[in-house]
């Protein structure tokens, strides 16, 4: 999980709902079918657990995994396999391989890169003929969790410190990505899935967002301000996502794309 906005990320907090966060990655990779890539790049690898599944799936592949967060890479290096799977700190926006790759995977990264529609054609150009780019991004920016966060961040109380952090729509829809990449000569499979997730624990939606969208907000505030902001946001989330006897339902839309470079 690459973070290209200078935010410090907490691997432990991100991993609180690790199973739910891993499912879209597994479903994206499953859609690749019987692919057998020799050179793979995982751009925004996070703590490496999911990258390690690629090494297990393709034991003959050499995998270069990178993330801009030193904390994430420190955790990821526990999964290194000499000569097969390596992790390093690097910026996905400036990444360029030393030779064409067969597969680029990017999981829940591109919504942190505002300029990524311009970046994606460069990634396609880094593929070998017939190579594939596979990525997924959250598509839930119209969900209450994010609408409430934007509204609070843009309120009179917080606008000066947080208003610039509140982006309305940092990703395209499936048709938008299809059009972008098809115009660049790719065959494109693009789709979306909404997961009706059931979360458990006290204020689980807040705990989920603490691992992602809230990170830049909390970094911009001092501890007292952060406590004030979280208290206000918590109350709004409790109303938007009421707890049920079986847990708290947190619907989550995700957008998936697999683009195959032409062979000529």
C-alpha atoms as a PDB file:
ATOM      1  CA  UNK A   1       0.000   0.000   0.000  1.00  0.00           C
ATOM      2  CA  UNK A   2       1.916   2.974  -1.203  1.00  0.00           C
ATOM      3  CA  UNK A   3       1.248   6.350   0.337  1.00  0.00           C
ATOM      4  CA  UNK A   4       2.338   9.165  -1.903  1.00  0.00           C
ATOM      5  CA  UNK A   5       1.107  12.097   0.186  1.00  0.00           C
ATOM      6  CA  UNK A   6       3.690  12.212   2.970  1.00  0.00           C
ATOM      7  CA  UNK A   7       1.467  10.463   5.512  1.00  0.00           C
ATOM      8  CA  UNK A   8       3.018   8.165   8.088  1.00  0.00           C
ATOM      9  CA  UNK A   9       1.172   4.854   8.108  1.00  0.00           C
ATOM     10  CA  UNK A  10       0.557   2.444  10.943  1.00  0.00           C
ATOM     11  CA  UNK A  11       0.861  -1.211   9.840  1.00  0.00           C
ATOM     12  CA  UNK A  12      -0.848  -2.460  13.019  1.00  0.00           C
ATOM     13  CA  UNK A  13      -3.900  -0.210  12.627  1.00  0.00           C
ATOM     14  CA  UNK A  14      -4.182  -1.033   8.949  1.00  0.00           C
ATOM     15  CA  UNK A  15      -4.120  -4.721   9.793  1.00  0.00           C
ATOM     16  CA  UNK A  16      -7.014  -4.602  12.288  1.00  0.00           C
ATOM     17  CA  UNK A  17      -9.406  -5.714   9.532  1.00  0.00           C
ATOM     18  CA  UNK A  18      -6.793  -7.584   7.536  1.00  0.00           C
ATOM     19  CA  UNK A  19      -9.101 -10.330   6.316  1.00  0.00           C
ATOM     20  CA  UNK A  20     -11.658  -7.940   4.845  1.00  0.00           C
ATOM     21  CA  UNK A  21      -8.940  -5.795   3.290  1.00  0.00           C
ATOM     22  CA  UNK A  22      -7.270  -8.851   1.720  1.00  0.00           C
ATOM     23  CA  UNK A  23     -10.358 -10.224  -0.010  1.00  0.00           C
ATOM     24  CA  UNK A  24     -10.421  -7.755  -2.950  1.00  0.00           C
ATOM     25  CA  UNK A  25      -6.738  -8.460  -3.662  1.00  0.00           C
ATOM     26  CA  UNK A  26      -7.403 -12.202  -3.771  1.00  0.00           C
ATOM     27  CA  UNK A  27     -10.360 -11.732  -6.098  1.00  0.00           C
ATOM     28  CA  UNK A  28      -8.370  -9.437  -8.388  1.00  0.00           C
ATOM     29  CA  UNK A  29      -5.525 -11.959  -8.681  1.00  0.00           C
ATOM     30  CA  UNK A  30      -7.957 -14.848  -9.189  1.00  0.00           C
ATOM     31  CA  UNK A  31      -9.320 -13.023 -12.251  1.00  0.00           C
ATOM     32  CA  UNK A  32      -5.884 -13.379 -13.874  1.00  0.00           C
ATOM     33  CA  UNK A  33      -6.662 -17.062 -14.425  1.00  0.00           C
ATOM     34  CA  UNK A  34      -3.797 -19.223 -15.632  1.00  0.00           C
ATOM     35  CA  UNK A  35      -1.320 -16.366 -16.117  1.00  0.00           C
ATOM     36  CA  UNK A  36       2.294 -17.368 -15.500  1.00  0.00           C
ATOM     37  CA  UNK A  37       4.324 -14.143 -15.358  1.00  0.00           C
ATOM     38  CA  UNK A  38       8.101 -14.290 -15.060  1.00  0.00           C
ATOM     39  CA  UNK A  39       8.592 -10.680 -13.899  1.00  0.00           C
ATOM     40  CA  UNK A  40       6.086  -9.073 -11.518  1.00  0.00           C
ATOM     41  CA  UNK A  41       5.973  -5.632  -9.891  1.00  0.00           C
ATOM     42  CA  UNK A  42       3.770  -4.962  -6.859  1.00  0.00           C
ATOM     43  CA  UNK A  43       3.416  -1.191  -6.689  1.00  0.00           C
ATOM     44  CA  UNK A  44       2.319  -0.186  -3.204  1.00  0.00           C
ATOM     45  CA  UNK A  45       2.911  -3.489  -1.436  1.00  0.00           C
ATOM     46  CA  UNK A  46       2.182  -2.396   2.143  1.00  0.00           C
ATOM     47  CA  UNK A  47       3.256  -4.928   4.744  1.00  0.00           C
ATOM     48  CA  UNK A  48       3.936  -7.654   2.189  1.00  0.00           C
ATOM     49  CA  UNK A  49       1.529 -10.393   3.281  1.00  0.00           C
ATOM     50  CA  UNK A  50      -0.443 -10.144   0.060  1.00  0.00           C
ATOM     51  CA  UNK A  51       2.679  -9.891  -2.080  1.00  0.00           C
ATOM     52  CA  UNK A  52       3.866 -13.142  -0.509  1.00  0.00           C
ATOM     53  CA  UNK A  53       0.763 -14.851  -1.899  1.00  0.00           C
ATOM     54  CA  UNK A  54       1.941 -13.874  -5.387  1.00  0.00           C
ATOM     55  CA  UNK A  55       5.236 -15.654  -4.756  1.00  0.00           C
ATOM     56  CA  UNK A  56       3.307 -18.746  -3.694  1.00  0.00           C
ATOM     57  CA  UNK A  57       1.025 -18.548  -6.744  1.00  0.00           C
ATOM     58  CA  UNK A  58       3.920 -18.092  -9.198  1.00  0.00           C
ATOM     59  CA  UNK A  59       6.991 -19.831  -7.725  1.00  0.00           C
ATOM     60  CA  UNK A  60       8.948 -19.231 -10.930  1.00  0.00           C
ATOM     61  CA  UNK A  61       8.398 -15.468 -10.929  1.00  0.00           C
ATOM     62  CA  UNK A  62      10.752 -12.743  -9.763  1.00  0.00           C
ATOM     63  CA  UNK A  63       8.762 -10.147  -7.826  1.00  0.00           C
ATOM     64  CA  UNK A  64       9.868  -6.578  -7.151  1.00  0.00           C
ATOM     65  CA  UNK A  65       7.672  -5.008  -4.465  1.00  0.00           C
ATOM     66  CA  UNK A  66       7.830  -1.398  -3.369  1.00  0.00           C
ATOM     67  CA  UNK A  67       6.097   1.068  -1.105  1.00  0.00           C
ATOM     68  CA  UNK A  68       6.817   4.667  -0.141  1.00  0.00           C
ATOM     69  CA  UNK A  69       6.337   3.938   3.583  1.00  0.00           C
ATOM     70  CA  UNK A  70       9.495   2.816   5.427  1.00  0.00           C
ATOM     71  CA  UNK A  71       7.274   1.445   8.215  1.00  0.00           C
ATOM     72  CA  UNK A  72       5.391  -0.761   5.772  1.00  0.00           C
ATOM     73  CA  UNK A  73       8.582  -1.989   4.084  1.00  0.00           C
ATOM     74  CA  UNK A  74      10.162  -2.757   7.447  1.00  0.00           C
ATOM     75  CA  UNK A  75       7.271  -5.158   8.090  1.00  0.00           C
ATOM     76  CA  UNK A  76       7.259  -6.470   4.528  1.00  0.00           C
ATOM     77  CA  UNK A  77      10.897  -7.575   4.572  1.00  0.00           C
ATOM     78  CA  UNK A  78       9.925 -10.456   6.845  1.00  0.00           C
ATOM     79  CA  UNK A  79       8.474 -12.043   3.694  1.00  0.00           C
ATOM     80  CA  UNK A  80      11.525 -11.666   1.452  1.00  0.00           C
ATOM     81  CA  UNK A  81      12.705 -14.672  -0.555  1.00  0.00           C
ATOM     82  CA  UNK A  82      16.263 -14.150  -1.838  1.00  0.00           C
ATOM     83  CA  UNK A  83      16.352 -14.118  -5.605  1.00  0.00           C
ATOM     84  CA  UNK A  84      12.552 -14.283  -5.902  1.00  0.00           C
ATOM     85  CA  UNK A  85      10.791 -11.696  -3.760  1.00  0.00           C
ATOM     86  CA  UNK A  86      12.307  -8.376  -2.687  1.00  0.00           C
ATOM     87  CA  UNK A  87      10.915  -5.278  -0.990  1.00  0.00           C
ATOM     88  CA  UNK A  88      12.187  -1.711  -1.149  1.00  0.00           C
ATOM     89  CA  UNK A  89      11.186   1.856  -0.327  1.00  0.00           C
ATOM     90  CA  UNK A  90      10.299   3.713  -3.528  1.00  0.00           C
ATOM     91  CA  UNK A  91       7.695   6.056  -4.986  1.00  0.00           C
ATOM     92  CA  UNK A  92       5.164   4.474  -7.354  1.00  0.00           C
ATOM     93  CA  UNK A  93       4.860   7.750  -9.258  1.00  0.00           C
ATOM     94  CA  UNK A  94       8.508   7.623 -10.371  1.00  0.00           C
ATOM     95  CA  UNK A  95       8.893   3.840 -10.658  1.00  0.00           C
ATOM     96  CA  UNK A  96      10.483   2.575 -13.863  1.00  0.00           C
ATOM     97  CA  UNK A  97      11.655  -1.021 -14.283  1.00  0.00           C
ATOM     98  CA  UNK A  98      15.050  -1.888 -15.707  1.00  0.00           C
ATOM     99  CA  UNK A  99      13.322  -4.218 -18.190  1.00  0.00           C
ATOM    100  CA  UNK A 100       9.688  -4.767 -19.263  1.00  0.00           C
ATOM    101  CA  UNK A 101       7.569  -6.709 -16.774  1.00  0.00           C
ATOM    102  CA  UNK A 102       4.839  -9.252 -17.390  1.00  0.00           C
ATOM    103  CA  UNK A 103       2.503  -8.154 -14.622  1.00  0.00           C
ATOM    104  CA  UNK A 104       1.986  -5.017 -12.552  1.00  0.00           C
ATOM    105  CA  UNK A 105      -0.237  -5.383  -9.489  1.00  0.00           C
ATOM    106  CA  UNK A 106      -1.396  -2.372  -7.482  1.00  0.00           C
ATOM    107  CA  UNK A 107      -3.783  -2.872  -4.585  1.00  0.00           C
ATOM    108  CA  UNK A 108      -5.687   0.010  -2.932  1.00  0.00           C
ATOM    109  CA  UNK A 109      -3.048   2.575  -3.875  1.00  0.00           C
ATOM    110  CA  UNK A 110      -4.089   4.805  -6.734  1.00  0.00           C
ATOM    111  CA  UNK A 111      -6.707   6.803  -4.837  1.00  0.00           C
ATOM    112  CA  UNK A 112      -3.749   8.313  -2.934  1.00  0.00           C
ATOM    113  CA  UNK A 113      -2.197   9.502  -6.214  1.00  0.00           C
ATOM    114  CA  UNK A 114      -4.327  12.337  -7.652  1.00  0.00           C
ATOM    115  CA  UNK A 115      -2.447  12.298 -10.954  1.00  0.00           C
ATOM    116  CA  UNK A 116      -2.827   8.547 -11.479  1.00  0.00           C
ATOM    117  CA  UNK A 117      -4.884   8.820 -14.728  1.00  0.00           C
ATOM    118  CA  UNK A 118      -1.706  10.276 -16.250  1.00  0.00           C
ATOM    119  CA  UNK A 119       0.444   7.659 -14.519  1.00  0.00           C
ATOM    120  CA  UNK A 120      -1.390   4.575 -15.773  1.00  0.00           C
ATOM    121  CA  UNK A 121      -0.301   4.886 -19.445  1.00  0.00           C
ATOM    122  CA  UNK A 122       3.317   4.989 -18.238  1.00  0.00           C
ATOM    123  CA  UNK A 123       2.749   1.757 -16.360  1.00  0.00           C
ATOM    124  CA  UNK A 124       1.273   0.180 -19.496  1.00  0.00           C
ATOM    125  CA  UNK A 125       4.383   1.217 -21.409  1.00  0.00           C
ATOM    126  CA  UNK A 126       6.472  -0.638 -18.786  1.00  0.00           C
ATOM    127  CA  UNK A 127       4.750  -3.936 -19.659  1.00  0.00           C
ATOM    128  CA  UNK A 128       6.081  -6.512 -22.077  1.00  0.00           C
ATOM    129  CA  UNK A 129       3.801  -7.181 -25.083  1.00  0.00           C
ATOM    130  CA  UNK A 130       0.813  -9.105 -23.757  1.00  0.00           C
ATOM    131  CA  UNK A 131       1.637  -8.077 -20.192  1.00  0.00           C
ATOM    132  CA  UNK A 132      -1.096  -7.058 -17.786  1.00  0.00           C
ATOM    133  CA  UNK A 133      -1.809  -4.308 -15.296  1.00  0.00           C
ATOM    134  CA  UNK A 134      -4.153  -5.382 -12.484  1.00  0.00           C
ATOM    135  CA  UNK A 135      -5.347  -2.941  -9.842  1.00  0.00           C
ATOM    136  CA  UNK A 136      -8.195  -2.234  -7.480  1.00  0.00           C
ATOM    137  CA  UNK A 137      -9.169   0.969  -5.702  1.00  0.00           C
ATOM    138  CA  UNK A 138     -11.862   1.903  -3.205  1.00  0.00           C
ATOM    139  CA  UNK A 139     -14.916   3.393  -4.859  1.00  0.00           C
ATOM    140  CA  UNK A 140     -16.797   4.349  -1.703  1.00  0.00           C
ATOM    141  CA  UNK A 141     -16.175   8.088  -1.667  1.00  0.00           C
ATOM    142  CA  UNK A 142     -19.919   8.791  -1.767  1.00  0.00           C
ATOM    143  CA  UNK A 143     -20.494   6.536   1.269  1.00  0.00           C
ATOM    144  CA  UNK A 144     -21.458   8.125   4.621  1.00  0.00           C
ATOM    145  CA  UNK A 145     -18.008   7.364   6.073  1.00  0.00           C
ATOM    146  CA  UNK A 146     -16.368   9.645   3.531  1.00  0.00           C
ATOM    147  CA  UNK A 147     -19.144  12.195   3.067  1.00  0.00           C
ATOM    148  CA  UNK A 148     -19.230  12.814   6.817  1.00  0.00           C
ATOM    149  CA  UNK A 149     -15.449  13.074   6.932  1.00  0.00           C
ATOM    150  CA  UNK A 150     -15.452  15.679   4.158  1.00  0.00           C
ATOM    151  CA  UNK A 151     -18.281  17.640   5.738  1.00  0.00           C
ATOM    152  CA  UNK A 152     -16.554  17.742   9.100  1.00  0.00           C
ATOM    153  CA  UNK A 153     -13.181  18.593   7.589  1.00  0.00           C
ATOM    154  CA  UNK A 154     -14.713  21.466   5.620  1.00  0.00           C
ATOM    155  CA  UNK A 155     -16.699  22.845   8.561  1.00  0.00           C
ATOM    156  CA  UNK A 156     -15.863  26.241  10.024  1.00  0.00           C
ATOM    157  CA  UNK A 157     -14.087  24.570  12.948  1.00  0.00           C
ATOM    158  CA  UNK A 158     -11.671  22.529  10.822  1.00  0.00           C
ATOM    159  CA  UNK A 159     -11.518  24.081   7.358  1.00  0.00           C
ATOM    160  CA  UNK A 160      -8.250  25.958   7.870  1.00  0.00           C
ATOM    161  CA  UNK A 161      -6.336  22.805   8.853  1.00  0.00           C
ATOM    162  CA  UNK A 162      -8.201  20.076   7.031  1.00  0.00           C
ATOM    163  CA  UNK A 163     -10.113  21.553   4.124  1.00  0.00           C
ATOM    164  CA  UNK A 164      -7.320  20.903   1.625  1.00  0.00           C
ATOM    165  CA  UNK A 165      -7.282  17.196   2.515  1.00  0.00           C
ATOM    166  CA  UNK A 166     -10.892  16.538   1.557  1.00  0.00           C
ATOM    167  CA  UNK A 167     -11.017  15.212  -2.020  1.00  0.00           C
ATOM    168  CA  UNK A 168     -14.434  14.471  -3.511  1.00  0.00           C
ATOM    169  CA  UNK A 169     -13.681  11.832  -6.148  1.00  0.00           C
ATOM    170  CA  UNK A 170     -10.049  10.689  -6.401  1.00  0.00           C
ATOM    171  CA  UNK A 171     -10.858   7.695  -8.643  1.00  0.00           C
ATOM    172  CA  UNK A 172     -12.666   6.994 -11.907  1.00  0.00           C
ATOM    173  CA  UNK A 173     -15.532   4.558 -12.332  1.00  0.00           C
ATOM    174  CA  UNK A 174     -14.988   1.274 -14.231  1.00  0.00           C
ATOM    175  CA  UNK A 175     -16.099   2.817 -17.533  1.00  0.00           C
ATOM    176  CA  UNK A 176     -13.683   5.703 -17.019  1.00  0.00           C
ATOM    177  CA  UNK A 177     -10.722   3.382 -16.540  1.00  0.00           C
ATOM    178  CA  UNK A 178     -11.826   1.237 -19.476  1.00  0.00           C
ATOM    179  CA  UNK A 179     -11.932   4.270 -21.757  1.00  0.00           C
ATOM    180  CA  UNK A 180      -8.564   5.576 -20.543  1.00  0.00           C
ATOM    181  CA  UNK A 181      -6.718   2.295 -21.015  1.00  0.00           C
ATOM    182  CA  UNK A 182      -8.493   1.145 -24.178  1.00  0.00           C
ATOM    183  CA  UNK A 183      -7.438   4.406 -25.817  1.00  0.00           C
ATOM    184  CA  UNK A 184      -3.893   3.401 -24.897  1.00  0.00           C
ATOM    185  CA  UNK A 185      -4.218   0.177 -26.884  1.00  0.00           C
ATOM    186  CA  UNK A 186      -5.253  -2.238 -24.130  1.00  0.00           C
ATOM    187  CA  UNK A 187      -7.924  -4.876 -23.846  1.00  0.00           C
ATOM    188  CA  UNK A 188      -9.668  -3.969 -20.591  1.00  0.00           C
ATOM    189  CA  UNK A 189     -11.742  -5.912 -18.084  1.00  0.00           C
ATOM    190  CA  UNK A 190     -13.208  -3.420 -15.589  1.00  0.00           C
ATOM    191  CA  UNK A 191     -15.847  -4.075 -12.957  1.00  0.00           C
ATOM    192  CA  UNK A 192     -17.014  -3.117  -9.491  1.00  0.00           C
ATOM    193  CA  UNK A 193     -18.127  -5.006  -6.404  1.00  0.00           C
ATOM    194  CA  UNK A 194     -19.856  -3.767  -3.271  1.00  0.00           C
ATOM    195  CA  UNK A 195     -18.967  -5.840  -0.219  1.00  0.00           C
ATOM    196  CA  UNK A 196     -21.627  -5.886   2.491  1.00  0.00           C
ATOM    197  CA  UNK A 197     -19.073  -6.168   5.277  1.00  0.00           C
ATOM    198  CA  UNK A 198     -20.045  -6.950   8.852  1.00  0.00           C
ATOM    199  CA  UNK A 199     -17.580  -5.411  11.313  1.00  0.00           C
ATOM    200  CA  UNK A 200     -17.332  -6.215  15.007  1.00  0.00           C
ATOM    201  CA  UNK A 201     -16.131  -4.344  18.052  1.00  0.00           C
ATOM    202  CA  UNK A 202     -16.744  -0.889  19.460  1.00  0.00           C
ATOM    203  CA  UNK A 203     -17.046   1.826  16.796  1.00  0.00           C
ATOM    204  CA  UNK A 204     -15.704  -0.528  14.124  1.00  0.00           C
ATOM    205  CA  UNK A 205     -16.217   1.847  11.196  1.00  0.00           C
ATOM    206  CA  UNK A 206     -14.126   4.455  12.982  1.00  0.00           C
ATOM    207  CA  UNK A 207     -11.448   1.826  13.628  1.00  0.00           C
ATOM    208  CA  UNK A 208     -11.494   0.885   9.935  1.00  0.00           C
ATOM    209  CA  UNK A 209     -11.126   4.489   8.770  1.00  0.00           C
ATOM    210  CA  UNK A 210      -8.339   5.140  11.300  1.00  0.00           C
ATOM    211  CA  UNK A 211      -6.219   2.803   9.210  1.00  0.00           C
ATOM    212  CA  UNK A 212      -6.835   4.652   5.946  1.00  0.00           C
ATOM    213  CA  UNK A 213      -8.714   7.887   5.262  1.00  0.00           C
ATOM    214  CA  UNK A 214      -8.202   9.324   8.748  1.00  0.00           C
ATOM    215  CA  UNK A 215      -4.407   9.036   8.675  1.00  0.00           C
ATOM    216  CA  UNK A 216      -3.699  12.374   6.933  1.00  0.00           C
ATOM    217  CA  UNK A 217      -6.335  14.085   9.074  1.00  0.00           C
ATOM    218  CA  UNK A 218      -4.839  12.892  12.352  1.00  0.00           C
ATOM    219  CA  UNK A 219      -1.341  13.843  11.226  1.00  0.00           C
ATOM    220  CA  UNK A 220      -2.506  17.398  10.576  1.00  0.00           C
ATOM    221  CA  UNK A 221      -3.865  17.841  14.131  1.00  0.00           C
ATOM    222  CA  UNK A 222      -2.240  18.006  17.536  1.00  0.00           C
ATOM    223  CA  UNK A 223      -3.370  15.388  20.097  1.00  0.00           C
ATOM    224  CA  UNK A 224      -6.072  17.559  21.700  1.00  0.00           C
ATOM    225  CA  UNK A 225      -7.467  18.566  18.331  1.00  0.00           C
ATOM    226  CA  UNK A 226      -7.383  14.978  17.138  1.00  0.00           C
ATOM    227  CA  UNK A 227      -9.385  13.897  20.172  1.00  0.00           C
ATOM    228  CA  UNK A 228     -11.976  16.587  19.510  1.00  0.00           C
ATOM    229  CA  UNK A 229     -12.249  15.699  15.847  1.00  0.00           C
ATOM    230  CA  UNK A 230     -12.565  11.969  16.532  1.00  0.00           C
ATOM    231  CA  UNK A 231     -15.305  12.539  19.109  1.00  0.00           C
ATOM    232  CA  UNK A 232     -17.392  14.505  16.627  1.00  0.00           C
ATOM    233  CA  UNK A 233     -16.757  12.074  13.784  1.00  0.00           C
ATOM    234  CA  UNK A 234     -17.489   9.055  16.013  1.00  0.00           C
ATOM    235  CA  UNK A 235     -20.969  10.336  16.837  1.00  0.00           C
ATOM    236  CA  UNK A 236     -21.765  10.903  13.182  1.00  0.00           C
ATOM    237  CA  UNK A 237     -20.572   7.422  12.255  1.00  0.00           C
ATOM    238  CA  UNK A 238     -22.651   5.814  14.995  1.00  0.00           C
ATOM    239  CA  UNK A 239     -25.773   7.379  13.510  1.00  0.00           C
ATOM    240  CA  UNK A 240     -24.847   6.475   9.930  1.00  0.00           C
ATOM    241  CA  UNK A 241     -23.810   2.889  10.775  1.00  0.00           C
ATOM    242  CA  UNK A 242     -25.928   1.717  13.722  1.00  0.00           C
ATOM    243  CA  UNK A 243     -24.822  -1.437  15.489  1.00  0.00           C
ATOM    244  CA  UNK A 244     -26.978  -4.545  15.159  1.00  0.00           C
ATOM    245  CA  UNK A 245     -26.923  -7.659  17.365  1.00  0.00           C
ATOM    246  CA  UNK A 246     -24.710  -9.419  14.808  1.00  0.00           C
ATOM    247  CA  UNK A 247     -22.322  -6.491  14.201  1.00  0.00           C
ATOM    248  CA  UNK A 248     -22.163  -3.304  12.145  1.00  0.00           C
ATOM    249  CA  UNK A 249     -22.819  -3.372   8.408  1.00  0.00           C
ATOM    250  CA  UNK A 250     -20.246  -1.340   6.465  1.00  0.00           C
ATOM    251  CA  UNK A 251     -20.910  -1.557   2.710  1.00  0.00           C
ATOM    252  CA  UNK A 252     -17.732  -0.997   0.721  1.00  0.00           C
ATOM    253  CA  UNK A 253     -17.609  -0.484  -3.060  1.00  0.00           C
ATOM    254  CA  UNK A 254     -14.395  -1.351  -4.892  1.00  0.00           C
ATOM    255  CA  UNK A 255     -13.349  -0.879  -8.518  1.00  0.00           C
ATOM    256  CA  UNK A 256     -11.255  -3.491 -10.326  1.00  0.00           C
ATOM    257  CA  UNK A 257      -9.313  -3.238 -13.588  1.00  0.00           C
ATOM    258  CA  UNK A 258      -7.197  -5.665 -15.591  1.00  0.00           C
ATOM    259  CA  UNK A 259      -5.652  -4.129 -18.701  1.00  0.00           C
ATOM    260  CA  UNK A 260      -3.718  -6.270 -21.186  1.00  0.00           C
ATOM    261  CA  UNK A 261      -1.148  -4.566 -23.399  1.00  0.00           C
ATOM    262  CA  UNK A 262      -1.388  -5.349 -27.085  1.00  0.00           C
ATOM    263  CA  UNK A 263       1.180  -7.737 -28.493  1.00  0.00           C
ATOM    264  CA  UNK A 264       2.453  -5.503 -31.304  1.00  0.00           C
END
